[in-house]
């Protein structure tokens, strides 16, 4: 695992939700996290999927920050804003999203405990980890 990734994971584990929202949850921080996701995308593990994945992230003040990751056989790109007809919408608290990205919160546990909601293609949701270069849950 690259040093930068190890440092990010350690930072997430040691930080409060408030600190994560202020730093990683900033506009610049989210841009970096989503750019890293797009770079980690593995089209060869997507089973031919092309389409949009929308993330609706709510901060502690109730403000929503929406991002879209567009996937294709050529790769992925991330952008702020909502896709009109995403294949999958993932809704969760901003701090929880950062903890999932930092592998400090298991996405399956977040889903089963009601901390995360999914709308759309559940089969796609189950493949997300492998599509973005991680082991499947």
N, C-alpha and C. Protein backbone atom coordinates (compact mmCIF):
# COMPACT_ATOMS: atom_id res chain seq x y z
N UNK A 1 0.85 -1.18 0.00
CA UNK A 1 0.00 0.00 0.00
C UNK A 1 0.90 1.25 0.00
N UNK A 2 0.62 2.19 -0.88
CA UNK A 2 1.45 3.41 -0.95
C UNK A 2 1.39 4.20 0.37
N UNK A 3 2.46 4.93 0.63
CA UNK A 3 2.57 5.70 1.87
C UNK A 3 1.42 6.69 2.04
N UNK A 4 1.07 7.41 0.99
CA UNK A 4 -0.03 8.38 1.08
C UNK A 4 -1.33 7.74 1.51
N UNK A 5 -1.61 6.57 1.00
CA UNK A 5 -2.84 5.86 1.37
C UNK A 5 -2.78 5.42 2.83
N UNK A 6 -1.63 4.91 3.26
CA UNK A 6 -1.49 4.50 4.67
C UNK A 6 -1.67 5.69 5.61
N UNK A 7 -1.12 6.84 5.23
CA UNK A 7 -1.27 8.04 6.07
C UNK A 7 -2.73 8.49 6.13
N UNK A 8 -3.43 8.42 4.99
CA UNK A 8 -4.85 8.79 4.96
C UNK A 8 -5.65 7.87 5.88
N UNK A 9 -5.43 6.56 5.77
CA UNK A 9 -6.16 5.61 6.60
C UNK A 9 -5.91 5.87 8.08
N UNK A 10 -4.67 6.14 8.44
CA UNK A 10 -4.33 6.43 9.84
C UNK A 10 -5.00 7.72 10.31
N UNK A 11 -5.00 8.74 9.45
CA UNK A 11 -5.62 10.03 9.78
C UNK A 11 -7.12 9.85 10.05
N UNK A 12 -7.79 9.08 9.19
CA UNK A 12 -9.23 8.85 9.35
C UNK A 12 -9.50 8.14 10.67
N UNK A 13 -8.74 7.11 10.97
CA UNK A 13 -8.97 6.35 12.21
C UNK A 13 -8.78 7.20 13.46
N UNK A 14 -7.89 8.16 13.40
CA UNK A 14 -7.55 8.96 14.59
C UNK A 14 -8.34 10.26 14.71
N UNK A 15 -9.22 10.54 13.77
CA UNK A 15 -9.91 11.83 13.75
C UNK A 15 -11.37 11.72 14.17
N UNK A 16 -11.86 12.79 14.79
CA UNK A 16 -13.28 12.88 15.13
C UNK A 16 -14.08 13.16 13.84
N UNK A 17 -15.37 12.92 13.91
CA UNK A 17 -16.22 13.23 12.75
C UNK A 17 -16.12 14.71 12.39
N UNK A 18 -16.10 15.58 13.39
CA UNK A 18 -16.02 17.02 13.14
C UNK A 18 -14.74 17.37 12.40
N UNK A 19 -13.64 16.81 12.84
CA UNK A 19 -12.35 17.08 12.18
C UNK A 19 -12.35 16.55 10.75
N UNK A 20 -12.92 15.37 10.53
CA UNK A 20 -12.98 14.82 9.18
C UNK A 20 -13.81 15.71 8.26
N UNK A 21 -14.93 16.21 8.78
CA UNK A 21 -15.77 17.10 7.95
C UNK A 21 -15.03 18.38 7.59
N UNK A 22 -14.30 18.95 8.55
CA UNK A 22 -13.58 20.21 8.29
C UNK A 22 -12.43 20.03 7.30
N UNK A 23 -11.78 18.89 7.33
CA UNK A 23 -10.59 18.70 6.49
C UNK A 23 -10.93 17.92 5.22
N UNK A 24 -11.09 16.64 5.35
CA UNK A 24 -11.36 15.80 4.18
C UNK A 24 -12.71 16.15 3.56
N UNK A 25 -13.66 16.61 4.36
CA UNK A 25 -14.98 16.96 3.86
C UNK A 25 -15.08 18.34 3.23
N UNK A 26 -13.97 19.06 3.19
CA UNK A 26 -13.95 20.37 2.53
C UNK A 26 -14.08 20.16 1.02
N UNK A 27 -14.34 21.21 0.30
CA UNK A 27 -14.47 21.10 -1.16
C UNK A 27 -13.19 20.51 -1.76
N UNK A 28 -12.06 21.01 -1.32
CA UNK A 28 -10.78 20.51 -1.84
C UNK A 28 -10.54 19.06 -1.42
N UNK A 29 -10.86 18.74 -0.16
CA UNK A 29 -10.68 17.38 0.33
C UNK A 29 -11.52 16.38 -0.43
N UNK A 30 -12.80 16.71 -0.65
CA UNK A 30 -13.67 15.80 -1.40
C UNK A 30 -13.19 15.66 -2.84
N UNK A 31 -12.70 16.73 -3.42
CA UNK A 31 -12.17 16.65 -4.79
C UNK A 31 -11.02 15.63 -4.84
N UNK A 32 -10.15 15.66 -3.82
CA UNK A 32 -9.03 14.71 -3.77
C UNK A 32 -9.51 13.28 -3.58
N UNK A 33 -10.48 13.08 -2.68
CA UNK A 33 -11.00 11.73 -2.43
C UNK A 33 -11.67 11.17 -3.68
N UNK A 34 -12.51 11.95 -4.32
CA UNK A 34 -13.20 11.45 -5.50
C UNK A 34 -12.24 11.27 -6.68
N UNK A 35 -11.24 12.13 -6.80
CA UNK A 35 -10.23 11.94 -7.85
C UNK A 35 -9.47 10.64 -7.63
N UNK A 36 -9.16 10.34 -6.38
CA UNK A 36 -8.47 9.08 -6.07
C UNK A 36 -9.37 7.89 -6.40
N UNK A 37 -10.67 8.01 -6.14
CA UNK A 37 -11.60 6.94 -6.50
C UNK A 37 -11.59 6.72 -8.00
N UNK A 38 -11.66 7.81 -8.76
CA UNK A 38 -11.68 7.69 -10.22
C UNK A 38 -10.40 7.02 -10.72
N UNK A 39 -9.25 7.37 -10.14
CA UNK A 39 -7.99 6.75 -10.54
C UNK A 39 -7.94 5.27 -10.18
N UNK A 40 -8.59 4.89 -9.08
CA UNK A 40 -8.57 3.51 -8.61
C UNK A 40 -9.54 2.61 -9.38
N UNK A 41 -10.42 3.20 -10.17
CA UNK A 41 -11.44 2.43 -10.88
C UNK A 41 -10.80 1.40 -11.80
N UNK A 42 -11.33 0.18 -11.76
CA UNK A 42 -10.82 -0.93 -12.57
C UNK A 42 -11.91 -1.40 -13.53
N UNK A 43 -11.95 -0.89 -14.76
CA UNK A 43 -12.98 -1.29 -15.72
C UNK A 43 -13.03 -2.81 -15.93
N UNK A 44 -11.89 -3.48 -15.81
CA UNK A 44 -11.86 -4.93 -16.01
C UNK A 44 -12.60 -5.69 -14.92
N UNK A 45 -12.92 -5.01 -13.81
CA UNK A 45 -13.65 -5.65 -12.71
C UNK A 45 -15.10 -5.16 -12.61
N UNK A 46 -15.55 -4.42 -13.63
CA UNK A 46 -16.88 -3.81 -13.58
C UNK A 46 -17.95 -4.62 -14.31
N UNK A 47 -17.60 -5.78 -14.82
CA UNK A 47 -18.57 -6.62 -15.54
C UNK A 47 -19.32 -5.86 -16.62
N UNK A 48 -18.61 -4.99 -17.35
CA UNK A 48 -19.22 -4.26 -18.46
C UNK A 48 -20.05 -3.05 -18.05
N UNK A 49 -20.05 -2.69 -16.78
CA UNK A 49 -20.87 -1.56 -16.33
C UNK A 49 -20.38 -0.25 -16.93
N UNK A 50 -21.31 0.54 -17.43
CA UNK A 50 -21.09 1.93 -17.83
C UNK A 50 -22.26 2.71 -17.27
N UNK A 51 -21.97 3.80 -16.60
CA UNK A 51 -23.04 4.61 -16.05
C UNK A 51 -22.56 5.46 -14.90
N UNK A 52 -23.51 6.07 -14.22
CA UNK A 52 -23.20 7.00 -13.14
C UNK A 52 -23.55 6.44 -11.78
N UNK A 53 -22.73 6.79 -10.81
CA UNK A 53 -22.98 6.49 -9.40
C UNK A 53 -23.04 7.84 -8.69
N UNK A 54 -24.16 8.11 -8.05
CA UNK A 54 -24.35 9.39 -7.36
C UNK A 54 -24.16 9.20 -5.86
N UNK A 55 -23.40 10.10 -5.26
CA UNK A 55 -23.18 10.11 -3.81
C UNK A 55 -23.86 11.34 -3.24
N UNK A 56 -24.78 11.15 -2.31
CA UNK A 56 -25.44 12.25 -1.61
C UNK A 56 -24.95 12.22 -0.17
N UNK A 57 -24.08 13.17 0.15
CA UNK A 57 -23.40 13.21 1.44
C UNK A 57 -23.95 14.38 2.25
N UNK A 58 -24.38 14.10 3.47
CA UNK A 58 -24.98 15.13 4.32
C UNK A 58 -24.05 15.43 5.48
N UNK A 59 -23.70 16.71 5.64
CA UNK A 59 -22.80 17.08 6.74
C UNK A 59 -23.59 17.27 8.03
N UNK A 60 -22.89 17.56 9.11
CA UNK A 60 -23.51 17.66 10.44
C UNK A 60 -24.53 18.79 10.52
N UNK A 61 -24.43 19.79 9.65
CA UNK A 61 -25.38 20.90 9.63
C UNK A 61 -26.58 20.63 8.72
N UNK A 62 -26.61 19.45 8.11
CA UNK A 62 -27.72 19.08 7.25
C UNK A 62 -27.57 19.50 5.80
N UNK A 63 -26.41 20.07 5.44
CA UNK A 63 -26.17 20.45 4.04
C UNK A 63 -25.77 19.23 3.24
N UNK A 64 -26.33 19.12 2.05
CA UNK A 64 -26.02 17.98 1.18
C UNK A 64 -24.95 18.36 0.17
N UNK A 65 -24.02 17.47 -0.01
CA UNK A 65 -22.97 17.62 -1.02
C UNK A 65 -23.09 16.42 -1.94
N UNK A 66 -23.35 16.69 -3.19
CA UNK A 66 -23.60 15.62 -4.15
C UNK A 66 -22.44 15.52 -5.13
N UNK A 67 -22.00 14.30 -5.36
CA UNK A 67 -20.93 14.01 -6.31
C UNK A 67 -21.38 12.88 -7.21
N UNK A 68 -20.85 12.85 -8.41
CA UNK A 68 -21.14 11.79 -9.37
C UNK A 68 -19.83 11.19 -9.86
N UNK A 69 -19.78 9.87 -9.89
CA UNK A 69 -18.66 9.16 -10.50
C UNK A 69 -19.22 8.48 -11.74
N UNK A 70 -18.70 8.88 -12.90
CA UNK A 70 -19.14 8.31 -14.18
C UNK A 70 -18.13 7.25 -14.61
N UNK A 71 -18.63 6.04 -14.84
CA UNK A 71 -17.78 4.90 -15.17
C UNK A 71 -18.01 4.47 -16.61
N UNK A 72 -16.93 4.07 -17.26
CA UNK A 72 -17.01 3.55 -18.62
C UNK A 72 -15.89 2.53 -18.80
N UNK A 73 -15.88 1.83 -19.94
CA UNK A 73 -14.79 0.88 -20.18
C UNK A 73 -13.41 1.55 -20.25
N UNK A 74 -13.38 2.85 -20.50
CA UNK A 74 -12.11 3.57 -20.58
C UNK A 74 -11.61 4.06 -19.22
N UNK A 75 -12.48 4.10 -18.23
CA UNK A 75 -12.08 4.59 -16.91
C UNK A 75 -13.24 5.30 -16.23
N UNK A 76 -12.90 6.08 -15.22
CA UNK A 76 -13.93 6.81 -14.46
C UNK A 76 -13.50 8.25 -14.29
N UNK A 77 -14.50 9.10 -14.09
CA UNK A 77 -14.21 10.49 -13.75
C UNK A 77 -15.25 10.92 -12.72
N UNK A 78 -14.80 11.79 -11.83
CA UNK A 78 -15.68 12.27 -10.75
C UNK A 78 -15.89 13.75 -10.91
N UNK A 79 -17.09 14.19 -10.51
CA UNK A 79 -17.39 15.62 -10.59
C UNK A 79 -18.42 15.98 -9.52
N UNK A 80 -18.35 17.20 -9.03
CA UNK A 80 -19.41 17.62 -8.10
C UNK A 80 -20.72 17.76 -8.86
N UNK A 81 -21.82 17.50 -8.18
CA UNK A 81 -23.13 17.63 -8.80
C UNK A 81 -23.79 16.27 -8.98
N UNK A 82 -25.07 16.32 -9.31
CA UNK A 82 -25.89 15.11 -9.39
C UNK A 82 -26.05 14.65 -10.83
N UNK A 83 -25.99 13.34 -11.02
CA UNK A 83 -26.33 12.74 -12.31
C UNK A 83 -27.85 12.67 -12.39
N UNK A 84 -28.38 12.84 -13.59
CA UNK A 84 -29.84 12.83 -13.76
C UNK A 84 -30.45 11.46 -13.54
N UNK A 85 -29.83 10.43 -14.07
CA UNK A 85 -30.40 9.08 -13.99
C UNK A 85 -29.29 8.10 -13.60
N UNK A 86 -28.82 8.17 -12.36
CA UNK A 86 -27.72 7.28 -11.97
C UNK A 86 -28.19 5.83 -11.86
N UNK A 87 -27.26 4.92 -12.10
CA UNK A 87 -27.56 3.50 -11.91
C UNK A 87 -27.69 3.20 -10.42
N UNK A 88 -26.97 3.96 -9.59
CA UNK A 88 -26.97 3.74 -8.16
C UNK A 88 -26.81 5.08 -7.45
N UNK A 89 -27.59 5.29 -6.40
CA UNK A 89 -27.44 6.46 -5.53
C UNK A 89 -27.10 5.95 -4.14
N UNK A 90 -26.04 6.53 -3.58
CA UNK A 90 -25.59 6.17 -2.24
C UNK A 90 -25.76 7.39 -1.36
N UNK A 91 -26.52 7.22 -0.26
CA UNK A 91 -26.79 8.33 0.65
C UNK A 91 -26.21 7.99 2.02
N UNK A 92 -25.38 8.90 2.55
CA UNK A 92 -24.86 8.71 3.89
C UNK A 92 -24.28 10.01 4.42
N UNK A 93 -24.00 10.02 5.71
CA UNK A 93 -23.40 11.20 6.32
C UNK A 93 -22.00 11.39 5.75
N UNK A 94 -21.60 12.64 5.65
CA UNK A 94 -20.29 12.98 5.11
C UNK A 94 -19.17 12.28 5.89
N UNK A 95 -19.21 12.33 7.21
CA UNK A 95 -18.17 11.69 8.02
C UNK A 95 -18.17 10.18 7.79
N UNK A 96 -19.34 9.58 7.65
CA UNK A 96 -19.41 8.14 7.39
C UNK A 96 -18.81 7.80 6.03
N UNK A 97 -19.06 8.62 5.03
CA UNK A 97 -18.45 8.41 3.71
C UNK A 97 -16.93 8.42 3.82
N UNK A 98 -16.40 9.39 4.56
CA UNK A 98 -14.94 9.49 4.72
C UNK A 98 -14.42 8.25 5.45
N UNK A 99 -15.16 7.79 6.45
CA UNK A 99 -14.74 6.59 7.19
C UNK A 99 -14.80 5.34 6.29
N UNK A 100 -15.79 5.25 5.41
CA UNK A 100 -15.83 4.13 4.46
C UNK A 100 -14.63 4.23 3.53
N UNK A 101 -14.36 5.42 3.01
CA UNK A 101 -13.21 5.61 2.12
C UNK A 101 -11.90 5.29 2.83
N UNK A 102 -11.84 5.59 4.12
CA UNK A 102 -10.64 5.33 4.91
C UNK A 102 -10.62 3.95 5.54
N UNK A 103 -11.54 3.10 5.13
CA UNK A 103 -11.65 1.72 5.62
C UNK A 103 -11.79 1.63 7.13
N UNK A 104 -12.40 2.65 7.72
CA UNK A 104 -12.65 2.66 9.16
C UNK A 104 -14.10 2.30 9.47
N UNK A 105 -14.94 2.21 8.43
CA UNK A 105 -16.34 1.83 8.57
C UNK A 105 -16.66 0.85 7.45
N UNK A 106 -17.11 -0.32 7.80
CA UNK A 106 -17.47 -1.34 6.82
C UNK A 106 -18.77 -0.91 6.14
N UNK A 107 -18.78 -0.81 4.80
CA UNK A 107 -19.99 -0.36 4.11
C UNK A 107 -21.18 -1.29 4.33
N UNK A 108 -20.96 -2.58 4.48
CA UNK A 108 -22.07 -3.50 4.73
C UNK A 108 -22.68 -3.21 6.09
N UNK A 109 -21.85 -2.99 7.10
CA UNK A 109 -22.36 -2.65 8.43
C UNK A 109 -23.10 -1.32 8.40
N UNK A 110 -22.57 -0.36 7.64
CA UNK A 110 -23.24 0.94 7.52
C UNK A 110 -24.62 0.78 6.90
N UNK A 111 -24.73 -0.07 5.89
CA UNK A 111 -26.00 -0.32 5.23
C UNK A 111 -26.97 -1.02 6.17
N UNK A 112 -26.51 -2.07 6.82
CA UNK A 112 -27.39 -2.85 7.70
C UNK A 112 -27.83 -2.09 8.94
N UNK A 113 -27.02 -1.13 9.38
CA UNK A 113 -27.37 -0.34 10.57
C UNK A 113 -28.20 0.90 10.22
N UNK A 114 -28.45 1.13 8.93
CA UNK A 114 -29.24 2.28 8.51
C UNK A 114 -28.44 3.56 8.36
N UNK A 115 -27.14 3.49 8.48
CA UNK A 115 -26.30 4.68 8.31
C UNK A 115 -26.09 5.02 6.84
N UNK A 116 -26.35 4.05 5.96
CA UNK A 116 -26.21 4.26 4.53
C UNK A 116 -27.46 3.74 3.85
N UNK A 117 -27.91 4.47 2.83
CA UNK A 117 -29.06 4.05 2.03
C UNK A 117 -28.63 3.90 0.58
N UNK A 118 -29.22 2.92 -0.09
CA UNK A 118 -28.95 2.69 -1.50
C UNK A 118 -30.24 2.77 -2.28
N UNK A 119 -30.16 3.36 -3.46
CA UNK A 119 -31.29 3.38 -4.40
C UNK A 119 -30.76 2.98 -5.76
N UNK A 120 -31.42 2.02 -6.37
CA UNK A 120 -31.00 1.61 -7.71
C UNK A 120 -30.48 0.19 -7.74
N UNK A 121 -29.42 -0.02 -8.47
CA UNK A 121 -28.88 -1.34 -8.78
C UNK A 121 -28.08 -1.91 -7.60
N UNK A 122 -28.72 -2.78 -6.81
CA UNK A 122 -28.06 -3.37 -5.64
C UNK A 122 -26.93 -4.31 -6.04
N UNK A 123 -27.05 -4.97 -7.19
CA UNK A 123 -25.96 -5.84 -7.65
C UNK A 123 -24.71 -5.01 -7.93
N UNK A 124 -24.89 -3.83 -8.49
CA UNK A 124 -23.78 -2.91 -8.71
C UNK A 124 -23.16 -2.50 -7.37
N UNK A 125 -24.00 -2.21 -6.40
CA UNK A 125 -23.51 -1.81 -5.08
C UNK A 125 -22.60 -2.88 -4.49
N UNK A 126 -22.93 -4.14 -4.70
CA UNK A 126 -22.13 -5.23 -4.15
C UNK A 126 -20.77 -5.37 -4.84
N UNK A 127 -20.64 -4.82 -6.04
CA UNK A 127 -19.38 -4.90 -6.80
C UNK A 127 -18.50 -3.67 -6.63
N UNK A 128 -18.98 -2.64 -5.95
CA UNK A 128 -18.23 -1.38 -5.89
C UNK A 128 -16.81 -1.53 -5.37
N UNK A 129 -16.62 -2.28 -4.30
CA UNK A 129 -15.28 -2.42 -3.74
C UNK A 129 -14.32 -2.97 -4.77
N UNK A 130 -14.69 -4.06 -5.44
CA UNK A 130 -13.79 -4.63 -6.43
C UNK A 130 -13.60 -3.71 -7.62
N UNK A 131 -14.64 -2.97 -8.00
CA UNK A 131 -14.53 -2.04 -9.13
C UNK A 131 -13.54 -0.90 -8.83
N UNK A 132 -13.41 -0.57 -7.55
CA UNK A 132 -12.53 0.53 -7.18
C UNK A 132 -11.27 0.03 -6.48
N UNK A 133 -10.86 -1.20 -6.83
CA UNK A 133 -9.56 -1.70 -6.44
C UNK A 133 -9.42 -2.26 -5.03
N UNK A 134 -10.53 -2.55 -4.36
CA UNK A 134 -10.45 -3.13 -3.01
C UNK A 134 -11.03 -4.54 -3.05
N UNK A 135 -10.78 -5.27 -2.00
CA UNK A 135 -11.36 -6.61 -1.88
C UNK A 135 -12.87 -6.47 -1.66
N UNK A 136 -13.64 -7.39 -2.18
CA UNK A 136 -15.09 -7.36 -1.98
C UNK A 136 -15.41 -7.64 -0.52
N UNK A 137 -16.49 -6.97 0.00
CA UNK A 137 -16.86 -7.22 1.39
C UNK A 137 -17.40 -8.62 1.58
